[in-house]
Amino acid sequence: MAKLKTNSGAKKRFALTGSGKIKRKHAYHSHILTKKTKKQKRNLDHFAILEKANRVQVNELLVL
């Protein structure tokens, strides 16, 4: 049986932590930043941990 390929888009968007959790970036931080407050942009800048509801789908894309 052939090896499974990792989804290239998911490979760029998600990263694993040391404990095995999946990190993701926040949305709404790429453009139209002039109307957003400094606090809003600062809070969107950090990574977030992926929710349990989406973990199965992302694991399939990353072939974990």
C-alpha atoms as a PDB file:
ATOM      1  CA  MET A   1       0.000   0.000   0.000  1.00  0.00           C
ATOM      2  CA  ALA A   2       1.272   3.471  -0.875  1.00  0.00           C
ATOM      3  CA  LYS A   3       2.230   6.049   1.755  1.00  0.00           C
ATOM      4  CA  LEU A   4      -0.364   8.695   2.594  1.00  0.00           C
ATOM      5  CA  LYS A   5       0.510  12.244   1.609  1.00  0.00           C
ATOM      6  CA  THR A   6       0.248  15.134   4.049  1.00  0.00           C
ATOM      7  CA  ASN A   7      -2.104  17.897   2.901  1.00  0.00           C
ATOM      8  CA  SER A   8       0.163  20.784   1.814  1.00  0.00           C
ATOM      9  CA  GLY A   9      -2.257  23.493   2.960  1.00  0.00           C
ATOM     10  CA  ALA A  10      -2.621  21.966   6.407  1.00  0.00           C
ATOM     11  CA  LYS A  11       1.144  21.529   6.689  1.00  0.00           C
ATOM     12  CA  LYS A  12       1.554  25.311   6.363  1.00  0.00           C
ATOM     13  CA  ARG A  13      -1.307  26.243   8.712  1.00  0.00           C
ATOM     14  CA  PHE A  14      -0.862  23.943  11.712  1.00  0.00           C
ATOM     15  CA  ALA A  15       2.027  23.030  13.985  1.00  0.00           C
ATOM     16  CA  LEU A  16       2.462  20.497  16.783  1.00  0.00           C
ATOM     17  CA  THR A  17       3.425  21.434  20.324  1.00  0.00           C
ATOM     18  CA  GLY A  18       5.786  19.368  22.424  1.00  0.00           C
ATOM     19  CA  SER A  19       2.888  17.733  24.249  1.00  0.00           C
ATOM     20  CA  GLY A  20       1.201  16.735  20.963  1.00  0.00           C
ATOM     21  CA  LYS A  21      -1.460  19.436  20.798  1.00  0.00           C
ATOM     22  CA  ILE A  22      -2.060  21.274  17.515  1.00  0.00           C
ATOM     23  CA  LYS A  23      -1.424  25.011  17.257  1.00  0.00           C
ATOM     24  CA  ARG A  24      -3.319  27.269  14.853  1.00  0.00           C
ATOM     25  CA  LYS A  25      -3.247  30.942  13.944  1.00  0.00           C
ATOM     26  CA  HIS A  26      -6.127  33.336  14.494  1.00  0.00           C
ATOM     27  CA  ALA A  27      -8.172  34.576  11.551  1.00  0.00           C
ATOM     28  CA  TYR A  28      -8.727  38.276  10.677  1.00  0.00           C
ATOM     29  CA  HIS A  29      -5.090  39.301  11.107  1.00  0.00           C
ATOM     30  CA  SER A  30      -3.941  39.482   7.490  1.00  0.00           C
ATOM     31  CA  HIS A  31      -5.551  42.593   5.982  1.00  0.00           C
ATOM     32  CA  ILE A  32      -7.912  45.513   6.669  1.00  0.00           C
ATOM     33  CA  LEU A  33      -5.988  46.175   9.892  1.00  0.00           C
ATOM     34  CA  THR A  34      -6.536  49.965   9.990  1.00  0.00           C
ATOM     35  CA  LYS A  35     -10.050  49.703  11.426  1.00  0.00           C
ATOM     36  CA  LYS A  36      -9.041  47.208  14.122  1.00  0.00           C
ATOM     37  CA  THR A  37      -7.833  48.390  17.518  1.00  0.00           C
ATOM     38  CA  LYS A  38      -4.313  47.739  18.789  1.00  0.00           C
ATOM     39  CA  LYS A  39      -5.712  45.417  21.448  1.00  0.00           C
ATOM     40  CA  GLN A  40      -7.666  43.405  18.878  1.00  0.00           C
ATOM     41  CA  LYS A  41      -4.623  43.032  16.600  1.00  0.00           C
ATOM     42  CA  ARG A  42      -2.375  42.117  19.526  1.00  0.00           C
ATOM     43  CA  ASN A  43      -4.760  39.393  20.695  1.00  0.00           C
ATOM     44  CA  LEU A  44      -5.033  37.968  17.168  1.00  0.00           C
ATOM     45  CA  ASP A  45      -1.241  37.758  16.901  1.00  0.00           C
ATOM     46  CA  HIS A  46      -0.840  34.806  19.281  1.00  0.00           C
ATOM     47  CA  PHE A  47      -1.246  31.136  18.479  1.00  0.00           C
ATOM     48  CA  ALA A  48      -4.262  29.227  19.755  1.00  0.00           C
ATOM     49  CA  ILE A  49      -4.701  25.544  20.555  1.00  0.00           C
ATOM     50  CA  LEU A  50      -6.970  23.677  18.177  1.00  0.00           C
ATOM     51  CA  GLU A  51     -10.389  22.766  19.584  1.00  0.00           C
ATOM     52  CA  LYS A  52     -11.305  19.119  20.211  1.00  0.00           C
ATOM     53  CA  ALA A  53     -14.118  19.289  17.637  1.00  0.00           C
ATOM     54  CA  ASN A  54     -11.637  19.853  14.779  1.00  0.00           C
ATOM     55  CA  ARG A  55      -8.794  17.646  15.977  1.00  0.00           C
ATOM     56  CA  VAL A  56      -9.861  14.511  14.066  1.00  0.00           C
ATOM     57  CA  GLN A  57     -10.155  16.315  10.714  1.00  0.00           C
ATOM     58  CA  VAL A  58      -6.779  18.058  11.088  1.00  0.00           C
ATOM     59  CA  ASN A  59      -5.088  14.815  12.175  1.00  0.00           C
ATOM     60  CA  GLU A  60      -6.317  13.204   8.939  1.00  0.00           C
ATOM     61  CA  LEU A  61      -4.941  16.077   6.871  1.00  0.00           C
ATOM     62  CA  LEU A  62      -1.577  15.943   8.655  1.00  0.00           C
ATOM     63  CA  VAL A  63      -1.547  12.101   8.569  1.00  0.00           C
ATOM     64  CA  LEU A  64      -0.784  11.761  12.295  1.00  0.00           C
END
